[in-house]
C-alpha cells in the first residue's frame, strides 16, 4: 500500500504522547508509519498482520528466485522422480 506522507510520518514526540493512536493508525490503514526524530527517520511502526503478510510475500519471492536460479544452473529433477519420492 502506498505511504501517505501527510498521514504516515510522525515525530517521535507524537509516539511518546499517544502511542495507541499511532498503533491504531498503522493497524487500520495497513500502512507503515515512519517515526522521525529531529527530522530524520528512526523507525517504522506497522500492524502485525501487515508485517506477517509482507514477510510471507518476501519468503515466496525468495523461493521463486531460488527456483529460477536452480533451473538456470541445471539443478532440476524429473517429475517422475519427484512422484516416486512422494509415493504418488
PDB file of N, CA and C in Angstrom:
ATOM      1  N   UNK A   1       0.835  -1.173   0.000  1.00  0.00           N
ATOM      2  CA  UNK A   1       0.000   0.000   0.000  1.00  0.00           C
ATOM      3  C   UNK A   1       0.885   1.242   0.000  1.00  0.00           C
ATOM      4  N   UNK A   2       0.474   2.253  -0.706  1.00  0.00           N
ATOM      5  CA  UNK A   2       1.212   3.499  -0.859  1.00  0.00           C
ATOM      6  C   UNK A   2       1.236   4.296   0.440  1.00  0.00           C
ATOM      7  N   UNK A   3       2.434   4.765   0.821  1.00  0.00           N
ATOM      8  CA  UNK A   3       2.559   5.612   2.003  1.00  0.00           C
ATOM      9  C   UNK A   3       1.964   6.980   1.711  1.00  0.00           C
ATOM     10  N   UNK A   4       1.195   7.505   2.650  1.00  0.00           N
ATOM     11  CA  UNK A   4       0.668   8.860   2.536  1.00  0.00           C
ATOM     12  C   UNK A   4       1.490   9.734   3.473  1.00  0.00           C
ATOM     13  N   UNK A   5       2.385  10.507   2.879  1.00  0.00           N
ATOM     14  CA  UNK A   5       3.314  11.285   3.680  1.00  0.00           C
ATOM     15  C   UNK A   5       2.618  12.247   4.631  1.00  0.00           C
ATOM     16  N   UNK A   6       1.458  12.748   4.247  1.00  0.00           N
ATOM     17  CA  UNK A   6       0.737  13.679   5.115  1.00  0.00           C
ATOM     18  C   UNK A   6       0.152  12.995   6.344  1.00  0.00           C
ATOM     19  N   UNK A   7       0.018  11.668   6.303  1.00  0.00           N
ATOM     20  CA  UNK A   7      -0.606  10.941   7.411  1.00  0.00           C
ATOM     21  C   UNK A   7       0.317   9.935   8.092  1.00  0.00           C
ATOM     22  N   UNK A   8       1.317   9.453   7.382  1.00  0.00           N
ATOM     23  CA  UNK A   8       2.081   8.300   7.860  1.00  0.00           C
ATOM     24  C   UNK A   8       3.473   8.630   8.388  1.00  0.00           C
ATOM     25  N   UNK A   9       3.799   9.896   8.503  1.00  0.00           N
ATOM     26  CA  UNK A   9       5.079  10.304   9.076  1.00  0.00           C
ATOM     27  C   UNK A   9       4.779  11.125  10.314  1.00  0.00           C
ATOM     28  N   UNK A  10       5.327  10.683  11.439  1.00  0.00           N
ATOM     29  CA  UNK A  10       5.054  11.378  12.698  1.00  0.00           C
ATOM     30  C   UNK A  10       6.354  11.568  13.480  1.00  0.00           C
ATOM     31  N   UNK A  11       6.429  12.644  14.240  1.00  0.00           N
ATOM     32  CA  UNK A  11       7.601  12.814  15.100  1.00  0.00           C
ATOM     33  C   UNK A  11       7.543  11.875  16.298  1.00  0.00           C
ATOM     34  N   UNK A  12       8.699  11.540  16.808  1.00  0.00           N
ATOM     35  CA  UNK A  12       8.812  10.652  17.961  1.00  0.00           C
ATOM     36  C   UNK A  12       7.993  11.173  19.143  1.00  0.00           C
ATOM     37  N   UNK A  13       7.909  12.477  19.288  1.00  0.00           N
ATOM     38  CA  UNK A  13       7.138  13.044  20.404  1.00  0.00           C
ATOM     39  C   UNK A  13       5.668  12.642  20.332  1.00  0.00           C
ATOM     40  N   UNK A  14       5.100  12.525  19.118  1.00  0.00           N
ATOM     41  CA  UNK A  14       3.708  12.074  18.984  1.00  0.00           C
ATOM     42  C   UNK A  14       3.555  10.633  19.455  1.00  0.00           C
ATOM     43  N   UNK A  15       4.553   9.811  19.166  1.00  0.00           N
ATOM     44  CA  UNK A  15       4.517   8.420  19.602  1.00  0.00           C
ATOM     45  C   UNK A  15       4.577   8.343  21.125  1.00  0.00           C
ATOM     46  N   UNK A  16       5.380   9.212  21.725  1.00  0.00           N
ATOM     47  CA  UNK A  16       5.503   9.231  23.182  1.00  0.00           C
ATOM     48  C   UNK A  16       4.209   9.692  23.849  1.00  0.00           C
ATOM     49  N   UNK A  17       3.550  10.686  23.251  1.00  0.00           N
ATOM     50  CA  UNK A  17       2.336  11.264  23.834  1.00  0.00           C
ATOM     51  C   UNK A  17       1.141  10.334  23.681  1.00  0.00           C
ATOM     52  N   UNK A  18       0.985   9.741  22.496  1.00  0.00           N
ATOM     53  CA  UNK A  18      -0.201   8.920  22.250  1.00  0.00           C
ATOM     54  C   UNK A  18       0.161   7.688  21.414  1.00  0.00           C
ATOM     55  N   UNK A  19       0.846   6.725  22.021  1.00  0.00           N
ATOM     56  CA  UNK A  19       1.261   5.542  21.251  1.00  0.00           C
ATOM     57  C   UNK A  19       0.085   4.747  20.701  1.00  0.00           C
ATOM     58  N   UNK A  20      -1.025   4.697  21.423  1.00  0.00           N
ATOM     59  CA  UNK A  20      -2.194   3.948  20.959  1.00  0.00           C
ATOM     60  C   UNK A  20      -2.737   4.482  19.650  1.00  0.00           C
ATOM     61  N   UNK A  21      -2.722   5.794  19.496  1.00  0.00           N
ATOM     62  CA  UNK A  21      -3.222   6.409  18.263  1.00  0.00           C
ATOM     63  C   UNK A  21      -2.346   6.006  17.078  1.00  0.00           C
ATOM     64  N   UNK A  22      -1.053   5.991  17.282  1.00  0.00           N
ATOM     65  CA  UNK A  22      -0.124   5.618  16.209  1.00  0.00           C
ATOM     66  C   UNK A  22      -0.301   4.151  15.848  1.00  0.00           C
ATOM     67  N   UNK A  23      -0.381   3.301  16.849  1.00  0.00           N
ATOM     68  CA  UNK A  23      -0.562   1.865  16.613  1.00  0.00           C
ATOM     69  C   UNK A  23      -1.880   1.612  15.884  1.00  0.00           C
ATOM     70  N   UNK A  24      -2.943   2.235  16.330  1.00  0.00           N
ATOM     71  CA  UNK A  24      -4.247   2.057  15.677  1.00  0.00           C
ATOM     72  C   UNK A  24      -4.220   2.542  14.236  1.00  0.00           C
ATOM     73  N   UNK A  25      -3.526   3.662  13.994  1.00  0.00           N
ATOM     74  CA  UNK A  25      -3.435   4.184  12.625  1.00  0.00           C
ATOM     75  C   UNK A  25      -2.761   3.152  11.716  1.00  0.00           C
ATOM     76  N   UNK A  26      -1.636   2.597  12.162  1.00  0.00           N
ATOM     77  CA  UNK A  26      -0.919   1.603  11.359  1.00  0.00           C
ATOM     78  C   UNK A  26      -1.777   0.361  11.140  1.00  0.00           C
ATOM     79  N   UNK A  27      -2.460  -0.058  12.180  1.00  0.00           N
ATOM     80  CA  UNK A  27      -3.296  -1.263  12.106  1.00  0.00           C
ATOM     81  C   UNK A  27      -4.485  -1.063  11.162  1.00  0.00           C
ATOM     82  N   UNK A  28      -5.136   0.085  11.257  1.00  0.00           N
ATOM     83  CA  UNK A  28      -6.353   0.333  10.469  1.00  0.00           C
ATOM     84  C   UNK A  28      -6.059   0.638   9.002  1.00  0.00           C
ATOM     85  N   UNK A  29      -4.977   1.362   8.728  1.00  0.00           N
ATOM     86  CA  UNK A  29      -4.682   1.750   7.346  1.00  0.00           C
ATOM     87  C   UNK A  29      -3.897   0.692   6.586  1.00  0.00           C
ATOM     88  N   UNK A  30      -3.314  -0.261   7.319  1.00  0.00           N
ATOM     89  CA  UNK A  30      -2.454  -1.286   6.713  1.00  0.00           C
ATOM     90  C   UNK A  30      -1.254  -0.648   6.010  1.00  0.00           C
ATOM     91  N   UNK A  31      -0.837   0.518   6.543  1.00  0.00           N
ATOM     92  CA  UNK A  31       0.340   1.206   6.024  1.00  0.00           C
ATOM     93  C   UNK A  31       1.316   1.408   7.181  1.00  0.00           C
ATOM     94  N   UNK A  32       2.608   1.297   6.908  1.00  0.00           N
ATOM     95  CA  UNK A  32       3.581   1.557   7.959  1.00  0.00           C
ATOM     96  C   UNK A  32       3.624   3.047   8.300  1.00  0.00           C
ATOM     97  N   UNK A  33       3.989   3.344   9.535  1.00  0.00           N
ATOM     98  CA  UNK A  33       4.131   4.723   9.998  1.00  0.00           C
ATOM     99  C   UNK A  33       5.620   4.978  10.246  1.00  0.00           C
ATOM    100  N   UNK A  34       6.152   5.996   9.602  1.00  0.00           N
ATOM    101  CA  UNK A  34       7.547   6.362   9.784  1.00  0.00           C
ATOM    102  C   UNK A  34       7.650   7.314  10.969  1.00  0.00           C
ATOM    103  N   UNK A  35       8.466   6.948  11.953  1.00  0.00           N
ATOM    104  CA  UNK A  35       8.671   7.782  13.136  1.00  0.00           C
ATOM    105  C   UNK A  35       9.990   8.519  12.950  1.00  0.00           C
ATOM    106  N   UNK A  36       9.937   9.852  13.139  1.00  0.00           N
ATOM    107  CA  UNK A  36      11.122  10.675  12.934  1.00  0.00           C
ATOM    108  C   UNK A  36      11.607  11.283  14.245  1.00  0.00           C
ATOM    109  N   UNK A  37      12.886  11.582  14.270  1.00  0.00           N
ATOM    110  CA  UNK A  37      13.488  12.310  15.380  1.00  0.00           C
ATOM    111  C   UNK A  37      14.422  13.345  14.774  1.00  0.00           C
ATOM    112  N   UNK A  38      14.174  14.603  15.101  1.00  0.00           N
ATOM    113  CA  UNK A  38      14.964  15.714  14.548  1.00  0.00           C
ATOM    114  C   UNK A  38      14.965  15.700  13.023  1.00  0.00           C
ATOM    115  N   UNK A  39      13.810  15.353  12.452  1.00  0.00           N
ATOM    116  CA  UNK A  39      13.643  15.397  11.006  1.00  0.00           C
ATOM    117  C   UNK A  39      14.168  14.198  10.236  1.00  0.00           C
ATOM    118  N   UNK A  40      14.678  13.211  10.936  1.00  0.00           N
ATOM    119  CA  UNK A  40      15.199  12.020  10.273  1.00  0.00           C
ATOM    120  C   UNK A  40      14.407  10.787  10.706  1.00  0.00           C
ATOM    121  N   UNK A  41      14.201   9.878   9.763  1.00  0.00           N
ATOM    122  CA  UNK A  41      13.509   8.639  10.091  1.00  0.00           C
ATOM    123  C   UNK A  41      14.342   7.792  11.035  1.00  0.00           C
ATOM    124  N   UNK A  42      13.689   7.269  12.080  1.00  0.00           N
ATOM    125  CA  UNK A  42      14.406   6.437  13.043  1.00  0.00           C
ATOM    126  C   UNK A  42      13.822   5.034  13.173  1.00  0.00           C
ATOM    127  N   UNK A  43      12.545   4.882  12.887  1.00  0.00           N
ATOM    128  CA  UNK A  43      11.930   3.558  12.981  1.00  0.00           C
ATOM    129  C   UNK A  43      10.613   3.551  12.208  1.00  0.00           C
ATOM    130  N   UNK A  44      10.095   2.357  12.027  1.00  0.00           N
ATOM    131  CA  UNK A  44       8.810   2.184  11.352  1.00  0.00           C
ATOM    132  C   UNK A  44       7.909   1.361  12.260  1.00  0.00           C
ATOM    133  N   UNK A  45       6.691   1.821  12.429  1.00  0.00           N
ATOM    134  CA  UNK A  45       5.679   1.063  13.165  1.00  0.00           C
ATOM    135  C   UNK A  45       4.666   0.552  12.146  1.00  0.00           C
ATOM    136  N   UNK A  46       4.335  -0.728  12.248  1.00  0.00           N
ATOM    137  CA  UNK A  46       3.346  -1.271  11.335  1.00  0.00           C
ATOM    138  C   UNK A  46       2.530  -2.331  12.039  1.00  0.00           C
ATOM    139  N   UNK A  47       1.328  -2.563  11.521  1.00  0.00           N
ATOM    140  CA  UNK A  47       0.461  -3.570  12.097  1.00  0.00           C
ATOM    141  C   UNK A  47       1.065  -4.957  11.944  1.00  0.00           C
ATOM    142  N   UNK A  48       0.798  -5.817  12.907  1.00  0.00           N
ATOM    143  CA  UNK A  48       1.362  -7.163  12.898  1.00  0.00           C
ATOM    144  C   UNK A  48       0.917  -7.950  11.673  1.00  0.00           C
ATOM    145  N   UNK A  49      -0.353  -7.874  11.321  1.00  0.00           N
ATOM    146  CA  UNK A  49      -0.857  -8.615  10.157  1.00  0.00           C
ATOM    147  C   UNK A  49      -0.149  -8.161   8.881  1.00  0.00           C
ATOM    148  N   UNK A  50       0.026  -6.843   8.728  1.00  0.00           N
ATOM    149  CA  UNK A  50       0.720  -6.303   7.563  1.00  0.00           C
ATOM    150  C   UNK A  50       2.166  -6.810   7.541  1.00  0.00           C
ATOM    151  N   UNK A  51       2.822  -6.795   8.681  1.00  0.00           N
ATOM    152  CA  UNK A  51       4.201  -7.272   8.787  1.00  0.00           C
ATOM    153  C   UNK A  51       4.299  -8.747   8.404  1.00  0.00           C
ATOM    154  N   UNK A  52       3.416  -9.567   8.961  1.00  0.00           N
ATOM    155  CA  UNK A  52       3.444 -11.002   8.671  1.00  0.00           C
ATOM    156  C   UNK A  52       3.191 -11.277   7.191  1.00  0.00           C
ATOM    157  N   UNK A  53       2.232 -10.562   6.596  1.00  0.00           N
ATOM    158  CA  UNK A  53       1.948 -10.741   5.173  1.00  0.00           C
ATOM    159  C   UNK A  53       3.156 -10.351   4.327  1.00  0.00           C
ATOM    160  N   UNK A  54       3.799  -9.263   4.692  1.00  0.00           N
ATOM    161  CA  UNK A  54       4.978  -8.807   3.968  1.00  0.00           C
ATOM    162  C   UNK A  54       6.099  -9.839   4.058  1.00  0.00           C
ATOM    163  N   UNK A  55       6.292 -10.409   5.234  1.00  0.00           N
ATOM    164  CA  UNK A  55       7.328 -11.429   5.406  1.00  0.00           C
ATOM    165  C   UNK A  55       7.020 -12.667   4.581  1.00  0.00           C
ATOM    166  N   UNK A  56       5.757 -13.092   4.555  1.00  0.00           N
ATOM    167  CA  UNK A  56       5.368 -14.256   3.755  1.00  0.00           C
ATOM    168  C   UNK A  56       5.607 -14.002   2.268  1.00  0.00           C
ATOM    169  N   UNK A  57       5.249 -12.805   1.809  1.00  0.00           N
ATOM    170  CA  UNK A  57       5.462 -12.462   0.407  1.00  0.00           C
ATOM    171  C   UNK A  57       6.949 -12.452   0.074  1.00  0.00           C
ATOM    172  N   UNK A  58       7.754 -11.923   0.965  1.00  0.00           N
ATOM    173  CA  UNK A  58       9.193 -11.888   0.752  1.00  0.00           C
ATOM    174  C   UNK A  58       9.769 -13.291   0.658  1.00  0.00           C
ATOM    175  N   UNK A  59       9.351 -14.180   1.545  1.00  0.00           N
ATOM    176  CA  UNK A  59       9.827 -15.568   1.500  1.00  0.00           C
ATOM    177  C   UNK A  59       9.408 -16.253   0.207  1.00  0.00           C
ATOM    178  N   UNK A  60       8.187 -15.981  -0.260  1.00  0.00           N
ATOM    179  CA  UNK A  60       7.708 -16.567  -1.511  1.00  0.00           C
ATOM    180  C   UNK A  60       8.558 -16.087  -2.681  1.00  0.00           C
ATOM    181  N   UNK A  61       8.813 -14.786  -2.740  1.00  0.00           N
ATOM    182  CA  UNK A  61       9.621 -14.230  -3.829  1.00  0.00           C
ATOM    183  C   UNK A  61      11.037 -14.808  -3.799  1.00  0.00           C
ATOM    184  N   UNK A  62      11.603 -14.954  -2.602  1.00  0.00           N
ATOM    185  CA  UNK A  62      12.931 -15.558  -2.483  1.00  0.00           C
ATOM    186  C   UNK A  62      12.920 -16.997  -2.999  1.00  0.00           C
ATOM    187  N   UNK A  63      11.880 -17.752  -2.667  1.00  0.00           N
ATOM    188  CA  UNK A  63      11.783 -19.147  -3.106  1.00  0.00           C
ATOM    189  C   UNK A  63      11.659 -19.225  -4.628  1.00  0.00           C
ATOM    190  N   UNK A  64      10.871 -18.338  -5.212  1.00  0.00           N
ATOM    191  CA  UNK A  64      10.734 -18.317  -6.673  1.00  0.00           C
ATOM    192  C   UNK A  64      12.075 -17.973  -7.319  1.00  0.00           C
ATOM    193  N   UNK A  65      12.756 -16.971  -6.787  1.00  0.00           N
ATOM    194  CA  UNK A  65      14.067 -16.590  -7.324  1.00  0.00           C
ATOM    195  C   UNK A  65      15.056 -17.748  -7.211  1.00  0.00           C
ATOM    196  N   UNK A  66      15.040 -18.448  -6.085  1.00  0.00           N
ATOM    197  CA  UNK A  66      15.934 -19.584  -5.909  1.00  0.00           C
ATOM    198  C   UNK A  66      15.599 -20.683  -6.911  1.00  0.00           C
ATOM    199  N   UNK A  67      14.320 -20.938  -7.126  1.00  0.00           N
ATOM    200  CA  UNK A  67      13.907 -21.940  -8.105  1.00  0.00           C
ATOM    201  C   UNK A  67      14.357 -21.582  -9.512  1.00  0.00           C
ATOM    202  N   UNK A  68      14.242 -20.323  -9.868  1.00  0.00           N
ATOM    203  CA  UNK A  68      14.684 -19.886 -11.193  1.00  0.00           C
ATOM    204  C   UNK A  68      16.201 -20.030 -11.342  1.00  0.00           C
ATOM    205  N   UNK A  69      16.929 -19.725 -10.276  1.00  0.00           N
ATOM    206  CA  UNK A  69      18.393 -19.903 -10.313  1.00  0.00           C
ATOM    207  C   UNK A  69      18.741 -21.385 -10.445  1.00  0.00           C
ATOM    208  N   UNK A  70      18.019 -22.247  -9.728  1.00  0.00           N
ATOM    209  CA  UNK A  70      18.261 -23.688  -9.837  1.00  0.00           C
ATOM    210  C   UNK A  70      18.051 -24.160 -11.273  1.00  0.00           C
ATOM    211  N   UNK A  71      16.981 -23.700 -11.901  1.00  0.00           N
ATOM    212  CA  UNK A  71      16.695 -24.085 -13.289  1.00  0.00           C
ATOM    213  C   UNK A  71      17.812 -23.592 -14.200  1.00  0.00           C
ATOM    214  N   UNK A  72      18.223 -22.350 -14.011  1.00  0.00           N
ATOM    215  CA  UNK A  72      19.281 -21.769 -14.840  1.00  0.00           C
ATOM    216  C   UNK A  72      20.583 -22.553 -14.710  1.00  0.00           C
ATOM    217  N   UNK A  73      20.855 -23.049 -13.510  1.00  0.00           N
ATOM    218  CA  UNK A  73      22.084 -23.790 -13.257  1.00  0.00           C
ATOM    219  C   UNK A  73      21.937 -25.285 -13.566  1.00  0.00           C
ATOM    220  N   UNK A  74      20.763 -25.675 -14.056  1.00  0.00           N
ATOM    221  CA  UNK A  74      20.554 -27.061 -14.435  1.00  0.00           C
ATOM    222  C   UNK A  74      20.251 -27.998 -13.284  1.00  0.00           C
ATOM    223  N   UNK A  75      19.948 -27.445 -12.137  1.00  0.00           N
ATOM    224  CA  UNK A  75      19.625 -28.272 -10.964  1.00  0.00           C
ATOM    225  C   UNK A  75      18.121 -28.546 -10.948  1.00  0.00           C
ATOM    226  N   UNK A  76      17.725 -29.508 -11.754  1.00  0.00           N
ATOM    227  CA  UNK A  76      16.308 -29.856 -11.869  1.00  0.00           C
ATOM    228  C   UNK A  76      16.127 -31.342 -11.602  1.00  0.00           C
ATOM    229  N   UNK A  77      14.915 -31.711 -11.257  1.00  0.00           N
ATOM    230  CA  UNK A  77      14.574 -33.107 -11.007  1.00  0.00           C
ATOM    231  C   UNK A  77      13.410 -33.482 -11.904  1.00  0.00           C
ATOM    232  N   UNK A  78      13.484 -34.632 -12.507  1.00  0.00           N
ATOM    233  CA  UNK A  78      12.423 -35.109 -13.381  1.00  0.00           C
ATOM    234  C   UNK A  78      11.159 -35.344 -12.558  1.00  0.00           C
ATOM    235  N   UNK A  79      10.009 -35.037 -13.142  1.00  0.00           N
ATOM    236  CA  UNK A  79       8.732 -35.152 -12.430  1.00  0.00           C
ATOM    237  C   UNK A  79       8.463 -36.579 -11.978  1.00  0.00           C
ATOM    238  N   UNK A  80       8.884 -37.560 -12.758  1.00  0.00           N
ATOM    239  CA  UNK A  80       8.655 -38.951 -12.359  1.00  0.00           C
ATOM    240  C   UNK A  80       9.459 -39.297 -11.101  1.00  0.00           C
ATOM    241  N   UNK A  81      10.659 -38.722 -10.963  1.00  0.00           N
ATOM    242  CA  UNK A  81      11.453 -38.946  -9.752  1.00  0.00           C
ATOM    243  C   UNK A  81      10.794 -38.290  -8.532  1.00  0.00           C
ATOM    244  N   UNK A  82      10.221 -37.123  -8.746  1.00  0.00           N
ATOM    245  CA  UNK A  82       9.526 -36.435  -7.650  1.00  0.00           C
ATOM    246  C   UNK A  82       8.331 -37.260  -7.193  1.00  0.00           C
ATOM    247  N   UNK A  83       7.585 -37.788  -8.143  1.00  0.00           N
ATOM    248  CA  UNK A  83       6.419 -38.601  -7.804  1.00  0.00           C
ATOM    249  C   UNK A  83       6.823 -39.836  -7.020  1.00  0.00           C
ATOM    250  N   UNK A  84       7.948 -40.451  -7.398  1.00  0.00           N
ATOM    251  CA  UNK A  84       8.441 -41.618  -6.677  1.00  0.00           C
ATOM    252  C   UNK A  84       8.806 -41.251  -5.235  1.00  0.00           C
ATOM    253  N   UNK A  85       9.472 -40.124  -5.074  1.00  0.00           N
ATOM    254  CA  UNK A  85       9.875 -39.679  -3.742  1.00  0.00           C
ATOM    255  C   UNK A  85       8.663 -39.386  -2.866  1.00  0.00           C
ATOM    256  N   UNK A  86       7.601 -38.890  -3.481  1.00  0.00           N
ATOM    257  CA  UNK A  86       6.389 -38.554  -2.725  1.00  0.00           C
ATOM    258  C   UNK A  86       5.409 -39.703  -2.661  1.00  0.00           C
ATOM    259  N   UNK A  87       5.746 -40.807  -3.277  1.00  0.00           N
ATOM    260  CA  UNK A  87       4.912 -42.005  -3.331  1.00  0.00           C
ATOM    261  C   UNK A  87       3.525 -41.652  -3.905  1.00  0.00           C
ATOM    262  N   UNK A  88       3.561 -41.075  -5.092  1.00  0.00           N
ATOM    263  CA  UNK A  88       2.303 -40.716  -5.771  1.00  0.00           C
ATOM    264  C   UNK A  88       2.028 -41.661  -6.920  1.00  0.00           C
TER     265      UNK A  88
END
